């Protein structure tokens, strides 16, 4: 067991220059959701060169298998591939060459780390075959859009025969070499919300003859989140935040249409499942005094990612076996469609530290984010090692687990 972990680490280390070069290529050529054709081609070509079985998914994305085909136990690893509609604002020599598109969430790192893990595991495929272990790597499209590409991948059978699944997500609040672990919910539910208003417009000198739509829209923007916070259990952790407010084109004209849109995020899955009728009731009550007509559109997104206890234990063992430092982490209001995989198999998502020690803490989804590339090797080691650790744990191999615990005390 210890020898396997050591040689896995060596395999990842030898691949790091190539993984960094691939990451820089992907970073310079980001692709939006469901357009990740070039990214899919690069990953598929490299895996096929290594002799890994590859199946392309419909549209973009792929699934790769190695180890036992008729596996007694199969572990899946997932990475998302899409970029964001954000203008890059760094001076990196490999900055985005696509105007208005950037890998501002670190999916290029996720892809490179998973690729490195698969290549390392391929070099140790005989160990997987001896244990009857299968490994499935899912390179998924369209995580950044609601409802996300996980549904489409699952519909194409990527979770068939999978016993556990793991993923990483870049975290610029943690130093490189740290891994954030949390049992239970680690992300939030997330929906897109749009409220459209229609009413009788007119001249701003005679608001009494109109249905003052802009005023009503302002009340929706301020009063709906406030009322929702009083109608829901505070422990649900609901946050309705608007990103777009549109109404009118002239300062002396009351318009006849307007809208606001944003996201509704919730920490509690049960509240998320039942909030729809309440939200519509509040919207209608807020606009009623102004005579306008309100239409609520709720695009249901994703439930929270809930990390399973045994999977977190396996990640702890993987951190010990790969020389990474475990760090506590809190539940985030961010949404992740990785949650849908966990409705098909137990698993967990770990947060991968990407901050240069002593350096600046960046914010994801911003054009100036810079990721320390040492994180790529850390992510690859973690993903490769968790396959071994979870297979050992699931098989009850107490001797092998003892080796890991010895390493923890070393």
Protein backbone atom coordinates (compact mmCIF):
# COMPACT_ATOMS: atom_id res chain seq x y z
CA UNK A 1 0.00 0.00 0.00
CA UNK A 2 2.70 2.49 1.02
CA UNK A 3 4.77 1.61 -2.06
CA UNK A 4 1.74 2.23 -4.29
CA UNK A 5 1.14 5.67 -2.77
CA UNK A 6 4.81 6.57 -3.14
CA UNK A 7 4.98 5.53 -6.77
CA UNK A 8 1.64 7.22 -7.53
CA UNK A 9 3.11 10.44 -6.19
CA UNK A 10 6.22 9.95 -8.32
CA UNK A 11 4.08 9.39 -11.41
CA UNK A 12 2.20 12.62 -10.81
CA UNK A 13 5.44 14.51 -10.15
CA UNK A 14 6.95 13.39 -13.45
CA UNK A 15 3.84 14.55 -15.33
CA UNK A 16 3.62 18.02 -13.75
CA UNK A 17 5.48 19.94 -16.51
CA UNK A 18 3.13 18.45 -19.11
CA UNK A 19 0.06 19.12 -16.95
CA UNK A 20 1.06 22.76 -16.48
CA UNK A 21 1.58 23.13 -20.24
CA UNK A 22 -1.88 21.66 -20.89
CA UNK A 23 -3.45 23.89 -18.27
CA UNK A 24 -1.86 26.98 -19.84
CA UNK A 25 -3.13 25.93 -23.26
CA UNK A 26 -6.65 25.48 -21.91
CA UNK A 27 -6.42 28.78 -20.05
CA UNK A 28 -5.41 30.62 -23.19
CA UNK A 29 -8.27 29.04 -25.16
CA UNK A 30 -11.29 29.02 -22.81
CA UNK A 31 -14.63 27.71 -24.06
CA UNK A 32 -18.10 28.47 -22.74
CA UNK A 33 -20.65 25.90 -21.63
CA UNK A 34 -21.49 23.25 -24.26
CA UNK A 35 -18.85 24.65 -26.60
CA UNK A 36 -15.87 22.86 -25.01
CA UNK A 37 -14.95 21.09 -28.27
CA UNK A 38 -11.24 21.93 -28.26
CA UNK A 39 -10.91 21.08 -24.58
CA UNK A 40 -12.61 17.73 -25.13
CA UNK A 41 -10.31 16.97 -28.08
CA UNK A 42 -7.14 17.74 -26.11
CA UNK A 43 -8.13 15.56 -23.15
CA UNK A 44 -9.40 12.69 -25.32
CA UNK A 45 -6.26 12.67 -27.45
CA UNK A 46 -3.91 12.56 -24.44
CA UNK A 47 -5.86 9.80 -22.71
CA UNK A 48 -6.01 7.71 -25.87
CA UNK A 49 -2.24 8.10 -26.27
CA UNK A 50 -1.89 6.60 -22.79
CA UNK A 51 -4.12 3.66 -23.68
CA UNK A 52 -7.10 4.76 -21.59
CA UNK A 53 -10.56 3.76 -22.80
CA UNK A 54 -12.39 6.95 -23.85
CA UNK A 55 -16.03 7.56 -24.75
CA UNK A 56 -17.14 10.98 -25.92
CA UNK A 57 -20.42 12.27 -24.60
CA UNK A 58 -23.06 13.89 -26.77
CA UNK A 59 -22.10 17.44 -27.60
CA UNK A 60 -18.98 18.01 -25.49
CA UNK A 61 -17.34 16.20 -22.61
CA UNK A 62 -16.08 12.66 -22.25
CA UNK A 63 -15.83 9.71 -19.89
CA UNK A 64 -12.68 7.60 -19.50
CA UNK A 65 -12.36 4.17 -17.89
CA UNK A 66 -9.39 2.20 -16.65
CA UNK A 67 -8.80 -0.71 -14.33
CA UNK A 68 -11.22 -3.62 -14.14
CA UNK A 69 -13.97 -3.51 -16.76
CA UNK A 70 -16.21 -5.77 -14.66
CA UNK A 71 -15.27 -4.01 -11.45
CA UNK A 72 -16.07 -5.25 -7.98
CA UNK A 73 -15.82 -1.61 -6.94
CA UNK A 74 -15.76 1.45 -9.21
CA UNK A 75 -14.65 4.94 -8.16
CA UNK A 76 -15.55 7.94 -10.32
CA UNK A 77 -13.63 11.22 -10.46
CA UNK A 78 -15.20 14.31 -11.99
CA UNK A 79 -13.87 17.58 -13.43
CA UNK A 80 -15.82 20.39 -15.09
CA UNK A 81 -14.46 21.99 -18.26
CA UNK A 82 -16.32 25.19 -19.13
CA UNK A 83 -15.15 28.78 -18.76
CA UNK A 84 -17.08 31.92 -17.83
CA UNK A 85 -18.26 34.93 -19.86
CA UNK A 86 -15.74 37.14 -18.04
CA UNK A 87 -13.02 39.39 -19.46
CA UNK A 88 -9.60 38.30 -18.22
CA UNK A 89 -7.68 41.09 -16.51
CA UNK A 90 -4.32 39.47 -15.81
CA UNK A 91 -0.92 39.97 -17.43
CA UNK A 92 -0.22 36.24 -17.60
CA UNK A 93 1.71 35.18 -20.73
CA UNK A 94 -0.99 32.54 -21.25
CA UNK A 95 -3.96 34.83 -20.61
CA UNK A 96 -7.20 34.20 -22.48
CA UNK A 97 -7.03 34.88 -26.19
CA UNK A 98 -10.83 34.83 -26.46
CA UNK A 99 -12.42 38.21 -25.84
CA UNK A 100 -14.93 38.16 -23.00
CA UNK A 101 -14.25 34.53 -21.97
CA UNK A 102 -11.92 33.35 -19.20
CA UNK A 103 -11.22 30.42 -16.90
CA UNK A 104 -12.08 32.56 -13.88
CA UNK A 105 -13.29 29.63 -11.78
CA UNK A 106 -10.31 27.32 -12.23
CA UNK A 107 -11.91 24.62 -14.35
CA UNK A 108 -8.70 24.47 -16.38
CA UNK A 109 -6.99 23.40 -13.16
CA UNK A 110 -9.70 20.81 -12.45
CA UNK A 111 -9.26 19.30 -15.92
CA UNK A 112 -5.45 19.23 -15.71
CA UNK A 113 -5.48 17.71 -12.21
CA UNK A 114 -7.92 14.96 -13.20
CA UNK A 115 -5.94 14.25 -16.35
CA UNK A 116 -2.81 13.90 -14.22
CA UNK A 117 -4.58 11.56 -11.80
CA UNK A 118 -5.79 9.32 -14.63
CA UNK A 119 -2.35 9.16 -16.26
CA UNK A 120 -0.78 8.24 -12.90
CA UNK A 121 -3.40 5.58 -12.21
CA UNK A 122 -2.90 4.17 -15.70
CA UNK A 123 0.75 3.53 -14.82
CA UNK A 124 -0.50 1.50 -11.83
CA UNK A 125 -3.35 -0.25 -13.60
CA UNK A 126 -2.09 -3.67 -12.53
CA UNK A 127 -2.81 -2.72 -8.89
CA UNK A 128 -6.36 -1.74 -9.85
CA UNK A 129 -6.83 -4.99 -11.74
CA UNK A 130 -5.53 -7.06 -8.80
CA UNK A 131 -8.05 -5.40 -6.51
CA UNK A 132 -10.89 -5.58 -9.04
CA UNK A 133 -11.14 -1.79 -8.98
CA UNK A 134 -12.48 0.31 -11.82
CA UNK A 135 -11.84 4.02 -12.21
CA UNK A 136 -14.07 6.32 -14.24
CA UNK A 137 -13.03 9.89 -15.06
CA UNK A 138 -15.87 12.23 -16.01
CA UNK A 139 -14.86 15.40 -17.87
CA UNK A 140 -18.14 17.28 -17.75
CA UNK A 141 -19.43 20.17 -19.83
CA UNK A 142 -21.53 23.14 -18.77
CA UNK A 143 -21.19 23.34 -14.99
CA UNK A 144 -21.47 27.13 -15.00
CA UNK A 145 -25.01 27.28 -16.38
CA UNK A 146 -28.28 26.30 -14.74
CA UNK A 147 -29.38 23.52 -14.60
CA UNK A 148 -25.88 22.39 -15.59
CA UNK A 149 -24.32 19.61 -17.62
CA UNK A 150 -24.34 16.96 -14.90
CA UNK A 151 -27.90 15.94 -15.83
CA UNK A 152 -26.86 15.33 -19.42
CA UNK A 153 -23.80 13.31 -18.44
CA UNK A 154 -25.82 11.20 -16.03
CA UNK A 155 -28.43 10.60 -18.72
CA UNK A 156 -25.64 9.17 -20.88
CA UNK A 157 -24.85 6.56 -18.23
CA UNK A 158 -21.70 7.93 -16.62
CA UNK A 159 -22.89 6.86 -13.15
CA UNK A 160 -23.85 3.31 -14.08
CA UNK A 161 -21.92 0.87 -11.92
CA UNK A 162 -20.28 3.66 -9.88
CA UNK A 163 -19.91 2.99 -6.15
CA UNK A 164 -18.38 6.32 -5.08
CA UNK A 165 -17.48 9.64 -6.69
CA UNK A 166 -15.03 12.42 -5.81
CA UNK A 167 -14.24 15.91 -7.12
CA UNK A 168 -12.13 18.95 -6.28
CA UNK A 169 -12.89 22.66 -6.52
CA UNK A 170 -10.34 25.47 -6.52
CA UNK A 171 -10.33 27.56 -3.33
CA UNK A 172 -8.19 30.73 -3.41
CA UNK A 173 -8.71 31.25 0.35
CA UNK A 174 -6.54 28.18 1.07
CA UNK A 175 -2.79 27.93 0.48
CA UNK A 176 -1.39 25.51 -2.07
CA UNK A 177 -0.88 22.17 -0.35
CA UNK A 178 -4.01 22.57 1.77
CA UNK A 179 -7.26 20.68 1.18
CA UNK A 180 -10.52 21.91 2.66
CA UNK A 181 -12.69 19.07 3.97
CA UNK A 182 -16.17 19.18 5.45
CA UNK A 183 -18.62 16.41 6.23
CA UNK A 184 -22.23 17.22 5.30
CA UNK A 185 -23.33 20.17 3.14
CA UNK A 186 -20.45 22.11 1.58
CA UNK A 187 -22.36 24.18 -1.03
CA UNK A 188 -25.87 25.60 -1.30
CA UNK A 189 -28.92 25.13 -3.48
CA UNK A 190 -29.10 27.70 -6.26
CA UNK A 191 -31.89 28.85 -8.61
CA UNK A 192 -32.22 31.61 -11.19
CA UNK A 193 -35.11 33.98 -10.46
CA UNK A 194 -36.73 36.46 -12.85
CA UNK A 195 -39.65 38.76 -12.05
CA UNK A 196 -41.26 40.45 -15.09
CA UNK A 197 -43.70 43.35 -14.63
CA UNK A 198 -46.21 44.80 -17.08
CA UNK A 199 -48.52 47.76 -16.59
CA UNK A 200 -49.92 50.97 -18.01
CA UNK A 201 -47.12 53.44 -18.64
CA UNK A 202 -47.28 57.17 -19.20
CA UNK A 203 -45.72 60.55 -18.48
CA UNK A 204 -43.75 61.01 -15.25
CA UNK A 205 -45.78 64.20 -14.62
CA UNK A 206 -48.96 62.10 -14.20
CA UNK A 207 -48.02 58.95 -12.21
CA UNK A 208 -51.57 58.76 -10.84
CA UNK A 209 -52.80 57.92 -14.35
CA UNK A 210 -50.32 55.06 -14.71
CA UNK A 211 -49.40 51.86 -12.98
CA UNK A 212 -46.04 53.19 -11.85
CA UNK A 213 -44.04 50.17 -12.95
CA UNK A 214 -40.56 51.46 -12.11
CA UNK A 215 -41.63 52.23 -8.55
CA UNK A 216 -43.24 48.80 -8.27
CA UNK A 217 -40.06 47.18 -9.60
CA UNK A 218 -38.03 48.99 -6.96
CA UNK A 219 -40.34 47.57 -4.29
CA UNK A 220 -39.83 44.06 -5.69
CA UNK A 221 -36.07 44.50 -5.57
CA UNK A 222 -36.08 45.60 -1.92
CA UNK A 223 -39.18 44.10 -0.34
CA UNK A 224 -39.23 40.55 -1.75
CA UNK A 225 -35.88 39.55 -0.22
CA UNK A 226 -36.86 41.23 3.06
CA UNK A 227 -40.22 39.44 3.26
CA UNK A 228 -38.67 36.12 2.30
CA UNK A 229 -36.24 36.41 5.19
CA UNK A 230 -39.20 36.72 7.57
CA UNK A 231 -41.30 33.92 6.10
CA UNK A 232 -38.55 31.27 6.02
CA UNK A 233 -36.80 29.65 8.95
CA UNK A 234 -33.55 31.63 9.33
CA UNK A 235 -31.69 28.32 9.52
CA UNK A 236 -32.55 27.78 5.84
CA UNK A 237 -29.91 30.41 5.04
CA UNK A 238 -31.83 31.91 2.13
CA UNK A 239 -30.26 34.74 0.11
CA UNK A 240 -32.12 36.34 -2.81
CA UNK A 241 -29.70 38.70 -4.60
CA UNK A 242 -30.47 40.61 -7.81
CA UNK A 243 -27.91 40.91 -10.58
CA UNK A 244 -30.05 42.64 -13.25
CA UNK A 245 -32.69 45.37 -12.90
CA UNK A 246 -34.14 46.81 -16.11
CA UNK A 247 -36.89 49.37 -16.65
CA UNK A 248 -37.41 52.24 -19.07
CA UNK A 249 -35.35 54.14 -21.61
CA UNK A 250 -36.21 57.80 -20.91
CA UNK A 251 -36.15 59.81 -17.68
CA UNK A 252 -39.60 61.39 -18.27
CA UNK A 253 -41.45 58.22 -19.32
CA UNK A 254 -42.96 55.63 -16.99
CA UNK A 255 -42.40 52.36 -18.88
CA UNK A 256 -44.92 49.60 -19.41
CA UNK A 257 -42.47 46.73 -18.87
CA UNK A 258 -39.57 45.96 -16.57
CA UNK A 259 -37.79 43.06 -14.95
CA UNK A 260 -35.29 42.01 -12.35
CA UNK A 261 -33.33 38.78 -12.22
CA UNK A 262 -30.91 37.20 -9.80
CA UNK A 263 -30.19 34.08 -7.80
CA UNK A 264 -31.91 32.46 -4.86
CA UNK A 265 -29.46 30.47 -2.76
CA UNK A 266 -30.31 28.30 0.23
CA UNK A 267 -28.32 26.20 2.65
CA UNK A 268 -31.22 23.88 3.46
CA UNK A 269 -32.35 21.38 0.81
CA UNK A 270 -35.85 20.87 2.24
CA UNK A 271 -36.60 24.60 2.25
CA UNK A 272 -35.31 24.79 -1.34
CA UNK A 273 -37.75 22.08 -2.42
CA UNK A 274 -40.77 23.92 -1.00
CA UNK A 275 -39.98 27.63 -1.45
CA UNK A 276 -41.60 28.13 -4.89
CA UNK A 277 -45.24 28.87 -3.90
CA UNK A 278 -44.12 31.11 -1.03
CA UNK A 279 -41.90 33.18 -3.31
CA UNK A 280 -44.74 33.71 -5.80
CA UNK A 281 -47.11 34.68 -2.99
CA UNK A 282 -44.67 37.33 -1.75
CA UNK A 283 -44.08 38.78 -5.23
CA UNK A 284 -47.81 39.12 -5.88
CA UNK A 285 -48.41 40.74 -2.49
CA UNK A 286 -45.62 43.29 -3.03
CA UNK A 287 -46.86 44.48 -6.44
CA UNK A 288 -50.61 44.38 -5.64
CA UNK A 289 -50.90 48.03 -4.42
CA UNK A 290 -49.52 49.36 -7.71
CA UNK A 291 -51.83 47.54 -10.11
CA UNK A 292 -49.08 46.02 -12.22
CA UNK A 293 -49.00 42.38 -13.33
CA UNK A 294 -46.08 40.28 -12.09
CA UNK A 295 -44.84 37.02 -13.55
CA UNK A 296 -42.34 34.96 -11.57
CA UNK A 297 -39.98 32.61 -13.41
CA UNK A 298 -37.92 30.24 -11.29
CA UNK A 299 -35.35 28.09 -13.07
CA UNK A 300 -34.54 25.37 -10.59
CA UNK A 301 -30.84 24.80 -10.38
CA UNK A 302 -29.01 22.47 -8.04
CA UNK A 303 -29.39 21.13 -4.50
CA UNK A 304 -26.53 21.44 -2.00
CA UNK A 305 -23.48 19.20 -2.33
CA UNK A 306 -23.64 16.95 0.75
CA UNK A 307 -20.36 15.20 1.52
CA UNK A 308 -20.79 11.68 2.85
CA UNK A 309 -18.88 10.70 6.01
CA UNK A 310 -17.05 7.66 4.60
CA UNK A 311 -16.01 9.63 1.53
CA UNK A 312 -14.57 12.40 3.71
CA UNK A 313 -12.67 9.74 5.66
CA UNK A 314 -11.20 8.49 2.38
CA UNK A 315 -10.15 12.04 1.48
CA UNK A 316 -8.48 12.38 4.87
CA UNK A 317 -6.53 9.19 4.23
CA UNK A 318 -5.70 10.47 0.75
CA UNK A 319 -4.33 13.71 2.18
CA UNK A 320 -2.13 11.71 4.55
CA UNK A 321 -0.99 9.45 1.74
CA UNK A 322 -0.18 12.31 -0.64
CA UNK A 323 1.46 14.72 1.79
CA UNK A 324 -1.32 17.32 1.73
CA UNK A 325 -2.50 19.33 4.72
CA UNK A 326 -6.14 19.06 5.76
CA UNK A 327 -7.95 22.29 6.58
CA UNK A 328 -11.45 22.91 7.94
CA UNK A 329 -13.83 24.64 5.56
CA UNK A 330 -17.32 26.12 5.84
CA UNK A 331 -20.48 25.66 3.82
CA UNK A 332 -20.64 28.08 0.92
CA UNK A 333 -23.64 29.73 -0.74
CA UNK A 334 -22.12 28.83 -4.10
CA UNK A 335 -23.98 26.27 -6.22
CA UNK A 336 -22.46 23.18 -7.88
CA UNK A 337 -24.13 20.69 -10.20
CA UNK A 338 -21.78 18.01 -8.83
CA UNK A 339 -24.60 17.58 -6.29
CA UNK A 340 -26.62 15.60 -8.85
CA UNK A 341 -23.97 12.87 -9.01
CA UNK A 342 -24.37 12.37 -5.26
CA UNK A 343 -28.00 11.36 -5.81
CA UNK A 344 -26.62 8.30 -7.64
CA UNK A 345 -23.63 7.34 -5.48
CA UNK A 346 -22.06 8.50 -2.21
CA UNK A 347 -19.06 10.75 -2.45
CA UNK A 348 -17.56 14.12 -1.60
CA UNK A 349 -16.04 17.29 -2.99
CA UNK A 350 -12.81 18.68 -1.57
CA UNK A 351 -11.61 22.27 -1.77
CA UNK A 352 -8.18 22.57 -3.36
CA UNK A 353 -5.94 25.36 -2.09
CA UNK A 354 -4.72 27.62 -4.92
CA UNK A 355 -3.23 30.61 -3.05
CA UNK A 356 0.51 31.18 -3.06
CA UNK A 357 1.54 31.13 0.63
CA UNK A 358 1.81 34.73 1.77
CA UNK A 359 0.27 35.93 -1.48
CA UNK A 360 -2.95 37.67 -2.39
CA UNK A 361 -6.33 36.06 -1.82
CA UNK A 362 -8.27 36.27 -5.08
CA UNK A 363 -11.99 35.84 -5.64
CA UNK A 364 -13.29 33.29 -8.11
CA UNK A 365 -15.45 34.45 -11.04
CA UNK A 366 -13.37 37.62 -11.33
CA UNK A 367 -11.20 38.47 -14.32
CA UNK A 368 -8.06 39.08 -12.27
CA UNK A 369 -7.92 35.70 -10.51
CA UNK A 370 -4.48 34.04 -10.57
CA UNK A 371 -3.99 30.44 -9.44
CA UNK A 372 -0.70 29.05 -8.14
CA UNK A 373 0.07 26.25 -10.59
CA UNK A 374 1.53 24.04 -7.86
CA UNK A 375 -2.14 23.31 -7.13
CA UNK A 376 -2.32 21.15 -10.26
CA UNK A 377 0.05 18.54 -8.87
CA UNK A 378 -1.66 18.67 -5.48
CA UNK A 379 -5.05 18.04 -7.07
CA UNK A 380 -3.72 15.21 -9.22
CA UNK A 381 -2.11 13.50 -6.22
CA UNK A 382 -5.28 13.85 -4.15
CA UNK A 383 -7.55 12.42 -6.85
CA UNK A 384 -5.23 9.54 -7.67
CA UNK A 385 -4.67 8.67 -4.02
CA UNK A 386 -8.33 8.83 -2.99
CA UNK A 387 -9.08 6.02 -5.45
CA UNK A 388 -6.68 3.76 -3.57
CA UNK A 389 -7.69 5.03 -0.14
CA UNK A 390 -11.43 4.64 -0.71
CA UNK A 391 -11.07 1.21 -2.28
CA UNK A 392 -9.00 0.08 0.71
CA UNK A 393 -11.47 1.58 3.18
CA UNK A 394 -14.50 0.10 1.41
CA UNK A 395 -12.77 -3.29 1.40
CA UNK A 396 -12.00 -3.12 5.11
CA UNK A 397 -8.23 -3.51 4.59
CA UNK A 398 -7.19 -2.60 8.13
CA UNK A 399 -3.52 -3.33 7.48
CA UNK A 400 -3.38 -0.85 4.62
CA UNK A 401 -5.28 1.75 6.63
CA UNK A 402 -2.77 1.21 9.41
CA UNK A 403 0.02 2.14 7.01
CA UNK A 404 -1.72 5.42 6.29
CA UNK A 405 -2.20 6.14 9.97
CA UNK A 406 1.49 5.45 10.54
CA UNK A 407 2.29 8.00 7.88
CA UNK A 408 0.10 10.51 9.72
CA UNK A 409 2.19 10.08 12.83
CA UNK A 410 5.50 10.21 10.96
